[in-house]
Amino acid sequence: MALIKVASRTELPAGSAKLVEAAGRQIALFNAGGTFYAIDNTCKHRGGPLAEGDLDGTTVTCPWHGWEYDITTGANLDDPNVKLGCYPVTLDGDDLLIDA
């Protein structure tokens, strides 16, 4: 595991998401009220792009079929046994770094 710069804080306003790539993985990066979170971008249901989903607080809803995930843990809200990869995000100045 290594810290990889994936974005600048200015690219991700509060309440928004961005698709980034780190260590060959597609990762959805979120800004939930000034706190940054990163989970796998691919929904476990049918592969929907979570970075394109609606963010409400710390819940993202897949744009394809409505599956909901907690971006702080990667857990599905209906079945916590269904989990996405979840990556720590570090803020270094204005740089957002993911441990991937």
C-alpha atoms as a PDB file:
ATOM      1  CA  MET A   1       0.000   0.000   0.000  1.00  0.00           C
ATOM      2  CA  ALA A   2       1.219   3.449  -0.924  1.00  0.00           C
ATOM      3  CA  LEU A   3      -0.260   6.930  -0.885  1.00  0.00           C
ATOM      4  CA  ILE A   4      -1.243   7.987  -4.404  1.00  0.00           C
ATOM      5  CA  LYS A   5      -2.315  11.527  -5.350  1.00  0.00           C
ATOM      6  CA  VAL A   6      -5.668  11.268  -7.089  1.00  0.00           C
ATOM      7  CA  ALA A   7      -7.083  14.802  -7.051  1.00  0.00           C
ATOM      8  CA  SER A   8      -6.898  18.289  -5.627  1.00  0.00           C
ATOM      9  CA  ARG A   9      -9.325  19.401  -2.938  1.00  0.00           C
ATOM     10  CA  THR A  10     -10.485  22.223  -5.242  1.00  0.00           C
ATOM     11  CA  GLU A  11     -11.700  19.645  -7.801  1.00  0.00           C
ATOM     12  CA  LEU A  12     -14.201  18.171  -5.335  1.00  0.00           C
ATOM     13  CA  PRO A  13     -16.693  20.627  -3.804  1.00  0.00           C
ATOM     14  CA  ALA A  14     -18.750  19.535  -0.797  1.00  0.00           C
ATOM     15  CA  GLY A  15     -21.498  17.091  -1.752  1.00  0.00           C
ATOM     16  CA  SER A  16     -19.800  15.952  -4.939  1.00  0.00           C
ATOM     17  CA  ALA A  17     -18.014  12.863  -6.268  1.00  0.00           C
ATOM     18  CA  LYS A  18     -15.271  12.206  -8.781  1.00  0.00           C
ATOM     19  CA  LEU A  19     -14.064   9.074 -10.519  1.00  0.00           C
ATOM     20  CA  VAL A  20     -10.317   8.568  -9.997  1.00  0.00           C
ATOM     21  CA  GLU A  21      -7.868   5.771 -10.665  1.00  0.00           C
ATOM     22  CA  ALA A  22      -5.300   4.460  -8.211  1.00  0.00           C
ATOM     23  CA  ALA A  23      -3.197   1.301  -8.434  1.00  0.00           C
ATOM     24  CA  GLY A  24      -5.227   0.167 -11.458  1.00  0.00           C
ATOM     25  CA  ARG A  25      -8.551   0.477  -9.618  1.00  0.00           C
ATOM     26  CA  GLN A  26     -11.481   2.743 -10.468  1.00  0.00           C
ATOM     27  CA  ILE A  27     -12.383   4.523  -7.255  1.00  0.00           C
ATOM     28  CA  ALA A  28     -15.243   6.870  -6.392  1.00  0.00           C
ATOM     29  CA  LEU A  29     -13.932   9.811  -4.371  1.00  0.00           C
ATOM     30  CA  PHE A  30     -16.481  11.799  -2.332  1.00  0.00           C
ATOM     31  CA  ASN A  31     -16.571  15.053  -0.377  1.00  0.00           C
ATOM     32  CA  ALA A  32     -19.211  14.709   2.343  1.00  0.00           C
ATOM     33  CA  GLY A  33     -19.323  18.053   4.141  1.00  0.00           C
ATOM     34  CA  GLY A  34     -15.581  18.616   3.906  1.00  0.00           C
ATOM     35  CA  THR A  35     -14.576  15.056   4.812  1.00  0.00           C
ATOM     36  CA  PHE A  36     -13.236  12.904   1.993  1.00  0.00           C
ATOM     37  CA  TYR A  37     -14.016   9.221   1.417  1.00  0.00           C
ATOM     38  CA  ALA A  38     -13.069   6.700  -1.261  1.00  0.00           C
ATOM     39  CA  ILE A  39     -14.756   3.412  -2.217  1.00  0.00           C
ATOM     40  CA  ASP A  40     -14.701   1.112  -5.220  1.00  0.00           C
ATOM     41  CA  ASN A  41     -16.630   2.749  -8.060  1.00  0.00           C
ATOM     42  CA  THR A  42     -18.439  -0.401  -9.197  1.00  0.00           C
ATOM     43  CA  CYS A  43     -21.779  -1.306  -7.593  1.00  0.00           C
ATOM     44  CA  LYS A  44     -21.971  -4.968  -6.512  1.00  0.00           C
ATOM     45  CA  HIS A  45     -25.439  -5.352  -8.067  1.00  0.00           C
ATOM     46  CA  ARG A  46     -24.919  -4.757 -11.787  1.00  0.00           C
ATOM     47  CA  GLY A  47     -21.705  -2.739 -11.951  1.00  0.00           C
ATOM     48  CA  GLY A  48     -23.208   0.750 -11.894  1.00  0.00           C
ATOM     49  CA  PRO A  49     -20.809   3.730 -11.626  1.00  0.00           C
ATOM     50  CA  LEU A  50     -21.114   4.974  -8.032  1.00  0.00           C
ATOM     51  CA  ALA A  51     -19.190   8.206  -8.715  1.00  0.00           C
ATOM     52  CA  GLU A  52     -22.203   9.176 -10.860  1.00  0.00           C
ATOM     53  CA  GLY A  53     -24.685   8.392  -8.073  1.00  0.00           C
ATOM     54  CA  ASP A  54     -26.542  10.781  -5.787  1.00  0.00           C
ATOM     55  CA  LEU A  55     -24.759  11.614  -2.535  1.00  0.00           C
ATOM     56  CA  ASP A  56     -26.927  12.332   0.519  1.00  0.00           C
ATOM     57  CA  GLY A  57     -24.793  12.886   3.606  1.00  0.00           C
ATOM     58  CA  THR A  58     -22.596   9.764   3.661  1.00  0.00           C
ATOM     59  CA  THR A  59     -24.919   7.603   1.535  1.00  0.00           C
ATOM     60  CA  VAL A  60     -24.418   7.171  -2.195  1.00  0.00           C
ATOM     61  CA  THR A  61     -27.183   5.743  -4.368  1.00  0.00           C
ATOM     62  CA  CYS A  62     -26.215   3.804  -7.483  1.00  0.00           C
ATOM     63  CA  PRO A  63     -27.627   5.591 -10.548  1.00  0.00           C
ATOM     64  CA  TRP A  64     -28.618   2.336 -12.269  1.00  0.00           C
ATOM     65  CA  HIS A  65     -30.824   0.447  -9.788  1.00  0.00           C
ATOM     66  CA  GLY A  66     -30.805   2.415  -6.538  1.00  0.00           C
ATOM     67  CA  TRP A  67     -28.539   0.282  -4.356  1.00  0.00           C
ATOM     68  CA  GLU A  68     -27.283   2.392  -1.453  1.00  0.00           C
ATOM     69  CA  TYR A  69     -23.847   2.323   0.175  1.00  0.00           C
ATOM     70  CA  ASP A  70     -22.316   3.983   3.225  1.00  0.00           C
ATOM     71  CA  ILE A  71     -19.263   5.777   1.837  1.00  0.00           C
ATOM     72  CA  THR A  72     -17.567   5.700   5.257  1.00  0.00           C
ATOM     73  CA  THR A  73     -17.448   1.879   5.325  1.00  0.00           C
ATOM     74  CA  GLY A  74     -18.317   0.682   1.807  1.00  0.00           C
ATOM     75  CA  ALA A  75     -21.218  -1.351   3.267  1.00  0.00           C
ATOM     76  CA  ASN A  76     -24.513  -1.774   1.436  1.00  0.00           C
ATOM     77  CA  LEU A  77     -27.346  -0.277   3.510  1.00  0.00           C
ATOM     78  CA  ASP A  78     -29.745  -3.192   2.876  1.00  0.00           C
ATOM     79  CA  ASP A  79     -27.183  -5.969   3.385  1.00  0.00           C
ATOM     80  CA  PRO A  80     -24.068  -4.965   5.397  1.00  0.00           C
ATOM     81  CA  ASN A  81     -22.418  -8.247   4.322  1.00  0.00           C
ATOM     82  CA  VAL A  82     -22.157  -6.750   0.814  1.00  0.00           C
ATOM     83  CA  LYS A  83     -19.138  -4.450   1.010  1.00  0.00           C
ATOM     84  CA  LEU A  84     -17.100  -2.453  -1.435  1.00  0.00           C
ATOM     85  CA  GLY A  85     -13.402  -1.739  -1.061  1.00  0.00           C
ATOM     86  CA  CYS A  86     -12.929   1.319   1.128  1.00  0.00           C
ATOM     87  CA  TYR A  87      -9.714   3.375   1.014  1.00  0.00           C
ATOM     88  CA  PRO A  88      -8.345   5.889   3.526  1.00  0.00           C
ATOM     89  CA  VAL A  89      -8.056   9.414   2.112  1.00  0.00           C
ATOM     90  CA  THR A  90      -5.321  11.761   3.325  1.00  0.00           C
ATOM     91  CA  LEU A  91      -5.325  15.510   2.739  1.00  0.00           C
ATOM     92  CA  ASP A  92      -1.809  16.884   2.184  1.00  0.00           C
ATOM     93  CA  GLY A  93      -2.135  20.615   1.584  1.00  0.00           C
ATOM     94  CA  ASP A  94      -4.642  20.664  -1.277  1.00  0.00           C
ATOM     95  CA  ASP A  95      -3.703  17.174  -2.527  1.00  0.00           C
ATOM     96  CA  LEU A  96      -6.056  14.241  -1.934  1.00  0.00           C
ATOM     97  CA  LEU A  97      -4.128  11.008  -1.493  1.00  0.00           C
ATOM     98  CA  ILE A  98      -5.562   7.481  -1.388  1.00  0.00           C
ATOM     99  CA  ASP A  99      -3.922   4.531   0.308  1.00  0.00           C
ATOM    100  CA  ALA A 100      -4.447   1.929  -2.399  1.00  0.00           C
END
